[in-house]
N, C-alpha and C. Protein backbone atom coordinates (compact mmCIF):
# COMPACT_ATOMS: atom_id res chain seq x y z
N MET A 1 -20.40 43.15 36.29
CA MET A 1 -20.18 41.88 35.69
C MET A 1 -21.50 41.28 35.21
N ALA A 2 -22.55 41.46 35.98
CA ALA A 2 -23.84 40.96 35.57
C ALA A 2 -24.27 41.65 34.29
N SER A 3 -23.96 42.90 34.18
CA SER A 3 -24.34 43.64 33.00
C SER A 3 -23.52 43.18 31.79
N THR A 4 -22.27 42.82 31.95
CA THR A 4 -21.42 42.32 30.87
C THR A 4 -21.94 40.95 30.41
N ALA A 5 -22.28 40.12 31.37
CA ALA A 5 -22.81 38.80 31.05
C ALA A 5 -24.15 38.95 30.33
N SER A 6 -24.95 39.89 30.76
CA SER A 6 -26.25 40.12 30.15
C SER A 6 -26.07 40.60 28.71
N LYS A 7 -25.09 41.50 28.48
CA LYS A 7 -24.82 42.01 27.13
C LYS A 7 -24.31 40.87 26.24
N LEU A 8 -23.40 40.07 26.82
CA LEU A 8 -22.85 38.94 26.08
C LEU A 8 -23.97 37.95 25.71
N PHE A 9 -24.82 37.71 26.70
CA PHE A 9 -25.94 36.79 26.49
C PHE A 9 -26.88 37.35 25.42
N SER A 10 -27.19 38.62 25.46
CA SER A 10 -28.07 39.27 24.48
C SER A 10 -27.45 39.20 23.09
N ARG A 11 -26.13 39.44 23.05
CA ARG A 11 -25.43 39.38 21.76
C ARG A 11 -25.47 37.96 21.18
N LYS A 12 -25.27 36.97 22.02
CA LYS A 12 -25.30 35.57 21.57
C LYS A 12 -26.71 35.20 21.09
N ILE A 13 -27.74 35.69 21.80
CA ILE A 13 -29.12 35.44 21.38
C ILE A 13 -29.36 36.10 20.02
N SER A 14 -28.89 37.30 19.85
CA SER A 14 -29.04 38.03 18.59
C SER A 14 -28.33 37.28 17.47
N GLU A 15 -27.11 36.82 17.74
CA GLU A 15 -26.36 36.05 16.74
C GLU A 15 -27.08 34.73 16.41
N GLY A 16 -27.65 34.10 17.42
CA GLY A 16 -28.40 32.86 17.22
C GLY A 16 -29.63 33.09 16.35
N LYS A 17 -30.35 34.19 16.64
CA LYS A 17 -31.53 34.51 15.83
C LYS A 17 -31.13 34.79 14.38
N LYS A 18 -30.02 35.53 14.22
CA LYS A 18 -29.53 35.85 12.88
C LYS A 18 -29.15 34.56 12.13
N ALA A 19 -28.48 33.66 12.83
CA ALA A 19 -28.09 32.38 12.23
C ALA A 19 -29.33 31.56 11.89
N ALA A 20 -30.35 31.59 12.76
CA ALA A 20 -31.58 30.85 12.51
C ALA A 20 -32.29 31.40 11.28
N ARG A 21 -32.33 32.75 11.15
CA ARG A 21 -32.95 33.36 9.97
C ARG A 21 -32.19 32.98 8.70
N LYS A 22 -30.87 32.98 8.80
CA LYS A 22 -30.02 32.60 7.65
C LYS A 22 -30.31 31.14 7.26
N ILE A 23 -30.38 30.26 8.24
CA ILE A 23 -30.67 28.84 7.97
C ILE A 23 -32.05 28.70 7.35
N GLU A 24 -33.02 29.42 7.90
CA GLU A 24 -34.38 29.37 7.36
C GLU A 24 -34.40 29.86 5.92
N SER A 25 -33.66 30.93 5.63
CA SER A 25 -33.58 31.47 4.28
C SER A 25 -32.93 30.45 3.34
N ASP A 26 -31.84 29.82 3.80
CA ASP A 26 -31.15 28.81 2.99
C ASP A 26 -32.05 27.61 2.71
N VAL A 27 -32.81 27.19 3.73
CA VAL A 27 -33.73 26.07 3.56
C VAL A 27 -34.82 26.44 2.56
N ASP A 28 -35.37 27.65 2.68
CA ASP A 28 -36.40 28.10 1.74
C ASP A 28 -35.86 28.14 0.31
N ARG A 29 -34.64 28.66 0.14
CA ARG A 29 -34.03 28.73 -1.18
C ARG A 29 -33.80 27.32 -1.74
N ALA A 30 -33.27 26.43 -0.91
CA ALA A 30 -33.02 25.06 -1.35
C ALA A 30 -34.33 24.36 -1.69
N PHE A 31 -35.37 24.61 -0.90
CA PHE A 31 -36.67 24.01 -1.17
C PHE A 31 -37.21 24.51 -2.52
N GLY A 32 -37.08 25.81 -2.75
CA GLY A 32 -37.53 26.39 -4.02
C GLY A 32 -36.77 25.81 -5.20
N GLU A 33 -35.46 25.66 -5.05
CA GLU A 33 -34.65 25.06 -6.12
C GLU A 33 -35.06 23.60 -6.36
N ALA A 34 -35.28 22.88 -5.28
CA ALA A 34 -35.68 21.47 -5.40
C ALA A 34 -37.04 21.38 -6.09
N LYS A 35 -37.94 22.28 -5.73
CA LYS A 35 -39.27 22.31 -6.33
C LYS A 35 -39.16 22.58 -7.83
N ARG A 36 -38.31 23.53 -8.24
CA ARG A 36 -38.11 23.83 -9.65
C ARG A 36 -37.49 22.63 -10.38
N ASP A 37 -36.52 21.99 -9.72
CA ASP A 37 -35.86 20.82 -10.33
C ASP A 37 -36.85 19.68 -10.55
N VAL A 38 -37.72 19.48 -9.56
CA VAL A 38 -38.73 18.42 -9.69
C VAL A 38 -39.68 18.76 -10.83
N LYS A 39 -40.07 20.01 -10.93
CA LYS A 39 -40.98 20.42 -12.00
C LYS A 39 -40.32 20.23 -13.37
N LYS A 40 -39.04 20.62 -13.48
CA LYS A 40 -38.31 20.42 -14.74
C LYS A 40 -38.22 18.94 -15.08
N ALA A 41 -37.93 18.13 -14.08
CA ALA A 41 -37.82 16.68 -14.31
C ALA A 41 -39.16 16.11 -14.76
N ALA A 42 -40.25 16.59 -14.15
CA ALA A 42 -41.58 16.11 -14.52
C ALA A 42 -41.90 16.49 -15.96
N VAL A 43 -41.58 17.72 -16.35
CA VAL A 43 -41.82 18.17 -17.72
C VAL A 43 -40.97 17.36 -18.69
N SER A 44 -39.71 17.16 -18.33
CA SER A 44 -38.80 16.38 -19.17
C SER A 44 -39.30 14.94 -19.32
N THR A 45 -39.73 14.36 -18.21
CA THR A 45 -40.26 12.98 -18.25
C THR A 45 -41.52 12.93 -19.10
N SER A 46 -42.37 13.92 -18.96
CA SER A 46 -43.60 13.98 -19.74
C SER A 46 -43.28 14.05 -21.23
N LYS A 47 -42.30 14.87 -21.59
CA LYS A 47 -41.90 14.97 -23.00
C LYS A 47 -41.34 13.65 -23.49
N ALA A 48 -40.53 12.99 -22.66
CA ALA A 48 -39.94 11.70 -23.05
C ALA A 48 -41.03 10.65 -23.25
N VAL A 49 -42.03 10.65 -22.37
CA VAL A 49 -43.14 9.71 -22.50
C VAL A 49 -43.92 9.98 -23.78
N LYS A 50 -44.13 11.24 -24.08
CA LYS A 50 -44.85 11.61 -25.30
C LYS A 50 -44.09 11.16 -26.54
N VAL A 51 -42.78 11.40 -26.55
CA VAL A 51 -41.96 10.99 -27.69
C VAL A 51 -41.99 9.46 -27.84
N THR A 52 -41.88 8.76 -26.71
CA THR A 52 -41.92 7.29 -26.75
C THR A 52 -43.27 6.80 -27.26
N ALA A 53 -44.34 7.42 -26.80
CA ALA A 53 -45.68 7.03 -27.25
C ALA A 53 -45.84 7.27 -28.75
N GLN A 54 -45.33 8.39 -29.23
CA GLN A 54 -45.42 8.68 -30.66
C GLN A 54 -44.62 7.67 -31.48
N ALA A 55 -43.43 7.33 -30.98
CA ALA A 55 -42.60 6.33 -31.68
C ALA A 55 -43.30 4.98 -31.69
N THR A 56 -43.91 4.63 -30.57
CA THR A 56 -44.62 3.35 -30.48
C THR A 56 -45.80 3.33 -31.46
N ALA A 57 -46.54 4.41 -31.52
CA ALA A 57 -47.67 4.50 -32.44
C ALA A 57 -47.19 4.37 -33.89
N LYS A 58 -46.08 5.00 -34.19
CA LYS A 58 -45.51 4.92 -35.54
C LYS A 58 -45.12 3.48 -35.85
N ASN A 59 -44.50 2.80 -34.90
CA ASN A 59 -44.10 1.41 -35.09
C ASN A 59 -45.31 0.50 -35.27
N VAL A 60 -46.37 0.76 -34.51
CA VAL A 60 -47.59 -0.04 -34.64
C VAL A 60 -48.20 0.16 -36.02
N LYS A 61 -48.24 1.39 -36.50
CA LYS A 61 -48.78 1.66 -37.84
C LYS A 61 -47.96 0.96 -38.90
N GLN A 62 -46.63 1.02 -38.76
CA GLN A 62 -45.76 0.35 -39.73
C GLN A 62 -45.97 -1.15 -39.68
N GLY A 63 -46.12 -1.70 -38.47
CA GLY A 63 -46.38 -3.13 -38.32
C GLY A 63 -47.69 -3.52 -38.98
N ALA A 64 -48.70 -2.67 -38.84
CA ALA A 64 -50.00 -2.95 -39.46
C ALA A 64 -49.88 -2.93 -40.99
N ARG A 65 -49.11 -1.97 -41.52
CA ARG A 65 -48.90 -1.91 -42.97
C ARG A 65 -48.18 -3.16 -43.45
N THR A 66 -47.17 -3.56 -42.72
CA THR A 66 -46.41 -4.77 -43.08
C THR A 66 -47.31 -5.99 -43.03
N ALA A 67 -48.11 -6.10 -41.98
CA ALA A 67 -49.02 -7.24 -41.86
C ALA A 67 -50.01 -7.27 -43.03
N LYS A 68 -50.49 -6.11 -43.42
CA LYS A 68 -51.43 -6.03 -44.54
C LYS A 68 -50.76 -6.50 -45.83
N THR A 69 -49.52 -6.06 -46.06
CA THR A 69 -48.78 -6.46 -47.25
C THR A 69 -48.53 -7.96 -47.26
N VAL A 70 -48.11 -8.48 -46.12
CA VAL A 70 -47.85 -9.92 -46.01
C VAL A 70 -49.14 -10.71 -46.22
N THR A 71 -50.23 -10.24 -45.65
CA THR A 71 -51.52 -10.90 -45.81
C THR A 71 -51.92 -10.95 -47.28
N LYS A 72 -51.73 -9.84 -47.99
CA LYS A 72 -52.06 -9.81 -49.42
C LYS A 72 -51.23 -10.85 -50.18
N ALA A 73 -49.95 -10.94 -49.85
CA ALA A 73 -49.07 -11.91 -50.52
C ALA A 73 -49.51 -13.34 -50.22
N ILE A 74 -49.88 -13.59 -48.97
CA ILE A 74 -50.34 -14.93 -48.59
C ILE A 74 -51.62 -15.28 -49.32
N VAL A 75 -52.56 -14.33 -49.38
CA VAL A 75 -53.82 -14.57 -50.07
C VAL A 75 -53.56 -14.87 -51.55
N ALA A 76 -52.65 -14.13 -52.17
CA ALA A 76 -52.32 -14.37 -53.58
C ALA A 76 -51.73 -15.77 -53.75
N ASP A 77 -50.85 -16.19 -52.85
CA ASP A 77 -50.27 -17.53 -52.91
C ASP A 77 -51.34 -18.60 -52.74
N VAL A 78 -52.24 -18.38 -51.81
CA VAL A 78 -53.32 -19.36 -51.57
C VAL A 78 -54.21 -19.46 -52.81
N LYS A 79 -54.54 -18.33 -53.41
CA LYS A 79 -55.38 -18.34 -54.62
C LYS A 79 -54.67 -19.11 -55.73
N LYS A 80 -53.38 -18.90 -55.87
CA LYS A 80 -52.60 -19.61 -56.87
C LYS A 80 -52.61 -21.11 -56.60
N ASP A 81 -52.41 -21.47 -55.33
CA ASP A 81 -52.42 -22.88 -54.94
C ASP A 81 -53.79 -23.51 -55.20
N VAL A 82 -54.85 -22.78 -54.89
CA VAL A 82 -56.21 -23.28 -55.11
C VAL A 82 -56.45 -23.47 -56.60
N ALA A 83 -56.00 -22.52 -57.41
CA ALA A 83 -56.18 -22.63 -58.87
C ALA A 83 -55.43 -23.84 -59.40
N LEU A 84 -54.20 -24.04 -58.91
CA LEU A 84 -53.43 -25.20 -59.35
C LEU A 84 -54.08 -26.50 -58.89
N ALA A 85 -54.64 -26.50 -57.70
CA ALA A 85 -55.26 -27.71 -57.15
C ALA A 85 -56.56 -28.04 -57.86
N THR A 86 -57.24 -27.05 -58.38
CA THR A 86 -58.52 -27.31 -59.03
C THR A 86 -58.37 -27.55 -60.52
N LYS A 87 -57.20 -27.25 -61.08
CA LYS A 87 -56.95 -27.50 -62.50
C LYS A 87 -56.47 -28.94 -62.65
N PRO A 88 -57.08 -29.70 -63.52
CA PRO A 88 -56.68 -31.10 -63.69
C PRO A 88 -55.20 -31.23 -64.03
N ASN A 89 -54.55 -32.21 -63.42
CA ASN A 89 -53.16 -32.50 -63.72
C ASN A 89 -52.92 -34.00 -63.59
N ASP A 90 -51.71 -34.44 -63.84
CA ASP A 90 -51.45 -35.88 -63.88
C ASP A 90 -51.49 -36.55 -62.51
N THR A 91 -51.66 -35.77 -61.44
CA THR A 91 -51.80 -36.39 -60.11
C THR A 91 -53.25 -36.81 -59.86
N TRP A 92 -54.16 -36.32 -60.68
CA TRP A 92 -55.57 -36.66 -60.53
C TRP A 92 -55.79 -38.11 -60.98
N THR A 93 -56.75 -38.76 -60.34
CA THR A 93 -57.13 -40.12 -60.75
C THR A 93 -58.05 -40.03 -61.97
N VAL A 94 -58.21 -41.15 -62.66
CA VAL A 94 -59.10 -41.20 -63.83
C VAL A 94 -60.52 -40.83 -63.39
N SER A 95 -60.93 -41.29 -62.22
CA SER A 95 -62.28 -40.97 -61.73
C SER A 95 -62.45 -39.46 -61.54
N GLN A 96 -61.45 -38.82 -60.98
CA GLN A 96 -61.53 -37.36 -60.79
C GLN A 96 -61.57 -36.66 -62.14
N LEU A 97 -60.76 -37.12 -63.09
CA LEU A 97 -60.74 -36.51 -64.42
C LEU A 97 -62.08 -36.70 -65.13
N LYS A 98 -62.68 -37.89 -65.02
CA LYS A 98 -63.98 -38.13 -65.65
C LYS A 98 -65.06 -37.25 -65.03
N GLU A 99 -64.99 -37.07 -63.71
CA GLU A 99 -65.96 -36.19 -63.02
C GLU A 99 -65.82 -34.75 -63.52
N ALA A 100 -64.59 -34.30 -63.70
CA ALA A 100 -64.35 -32.94 -64.20
C ALA A 100 -64.85 -32.82 -65.64
N ALA A 101 -64.63 -33.86 -66.45
CA ALA A 101 -65.09 -33.85 -67.85
C ALA A 101 -66.61 -33.83 -67.90
N ARG A 102 -67.25 -34.61 -67.03
CA ARG A 102 -68.71 -34.64 -66.97
C ARG A 102 -69.25 -33.25 -66.65
N LYS A 103 -68.62 -32.58 -65.67
CA LYS A 103 -69.07 -31.23 -65.27
C LYS A 103 -68.91 -30.23 -66.40
N LYS A 104 -67.92 -30.45 -67.28
CA LYS A 104 -67.70 -29.55 -68.41
C LYS A 104 -68.46 -30.00 -69.67
N SER A 105 -69.28 -31.00 -69.50
CA SER A 105 -70.12 -31.53 -70.60
C SER A 105 -69.29 -32.03 -71.79
N VAL A 106 -68.19 -32.70 -71.50
CA VAL A 106 -67.36 -33.28 -72.55
C VAL A 106 -68.04 -34.57 -73.01
N THR A 107 -68.25 -34.69 -74.31
CA THR A 107 -68.91 -35.91 -74.83
C THR A 107 -67.88 -37.02 -75.00
N GLY A 108 -68.27 -38.24 -74.66
CA GLY A 108 -67.42 -39.42 -74.81
C GLY A 108 -66.38 -39.58 -73.73
N TYR A 109 -66.51 -38.81 -72.64
CA TYR A 109 -65.50 -38.86 -71.58
C TYR A 109 -65.39 -40.24 -70.93
N SER A 110 -66.49 -40.97 -70.88
CA SER A 110 -66.49 -42.23 -70.13
C SER A 110 -65.57 -43.29 -70.75
N SER A 111 -65.27 -43.17 -72.04
CA SER A 111 -64.42 -44.17 -72.69
C SER A 111 -62.99 -43.66 -72.92
N MET A 112 -62.69 -42.44 -72.45
CA MET A 112 -61.36 -41.84 -72.68
C MET A 112 -60.33 -42.38 -71.68
N THR A 113 -59.08 -42.32 -72.12
CA THR A 113 -57.96 -42.71 -71.24
C THR A 113 -57.57 -41.48 -70.40
N LYS A 114 -56.69 -41.72 -69.47
CA LYS A 114 -56.22 -40.63 -68.61
C LYS A 114 -55.55 -39.55 -69.45
N ALA A 115 -54.71 -39.92 -70.39
CA ALA A 115 -54.02 -38.96 -71.25
C ALA A 115 -55.01 -38.16 -72.08
N GLU A 116 -56.04 -38.82 -72.60
CA GLU A 116 -57.05 -38.12 -73.40
C GLU A 116 -57.87 -37.16 -72.54
N LEU A 117 -58.20 -37.61 -71.34
CA LEU A 117 -58.95 -36.72 -70.42
C LEU A 117 -58.12 -35.49 -70.06
N LEU A 118 -56.85 -35.69 -69.78
CA LEU A 118 -55.97 -34.55 -69.45
C LEU A 118 -55.89 -33.60 -70.63
N ALA A 119 -55.80 -34.14 -71.83
CA ALA A 119 -55.71 -33.29 -73.03
C ALA A 119 -56.99 -32.50 -73.25
N VAL A 120 -58.15 -33.15 -73.11
CA VAL A 120 -59.42 -32.49 -73.34
C VAL A 120 -59.74 -31.46 -72.25
N LEU A 121 -59.23 -31.70 -71.04
CA LEU A 121 -59.49 -30.77 -69.93
C LEU A 121 -58.46 -29.63 -69.88
N GLY A 122 -57.48 -29.70 -70.78
CA GLY A 122 -56.49 -28.62 -70.84
C GLY A 122 -55.46 -28.68 -69.74
N ALA A 123 -55.17 -29.85 -69.27
CA ALA A 123 -54.14 -30.00 -68.23
C ALA A 123 -52.77 -29.79 -68.83
N ARG A 124 -51.85 -29.36 -68.02
CA ARG A 124 -50.48 -29.14 -68.49
C ARG A 124 -49.61 -30.30 -68.18
C-alpha cells in the first residue's frame, strides 16, 4: 500500500510539474503576444502622430498664406484710404485747401473761394 501511495504521489507530482510547465509556456506565449501587440500599437500611434503633425503643418502653412493674402488686401485698402484722405475734397476746410494750394505753388490761392480751390487742386 505504501508503494501504491508512493506511485500515486509520484504520478501526481509529475502531473503537477507538467501542468506547471504548460502554464509557464502559456504565460510566455501570452507575454510574447502582448509584447507584439504593444509594439504594433506603438508603431500605429507613432504613424498617427506623424500624420497629425503633417496635417497640422499643412494647416499652418495654409493659414500663413491666407494671412499674407489678407494682409496684402488690408494694405491696399489702407493705401487707397490714405490717398483719398490726402486728396483735397469738399470735406476739407478753406484753410486746408489754401495750405495745399500753397504747397503746390498755385498763384492767387489766397483770394480764391472754396470751389475755386477745389477746382485748381483737382478735387472730385
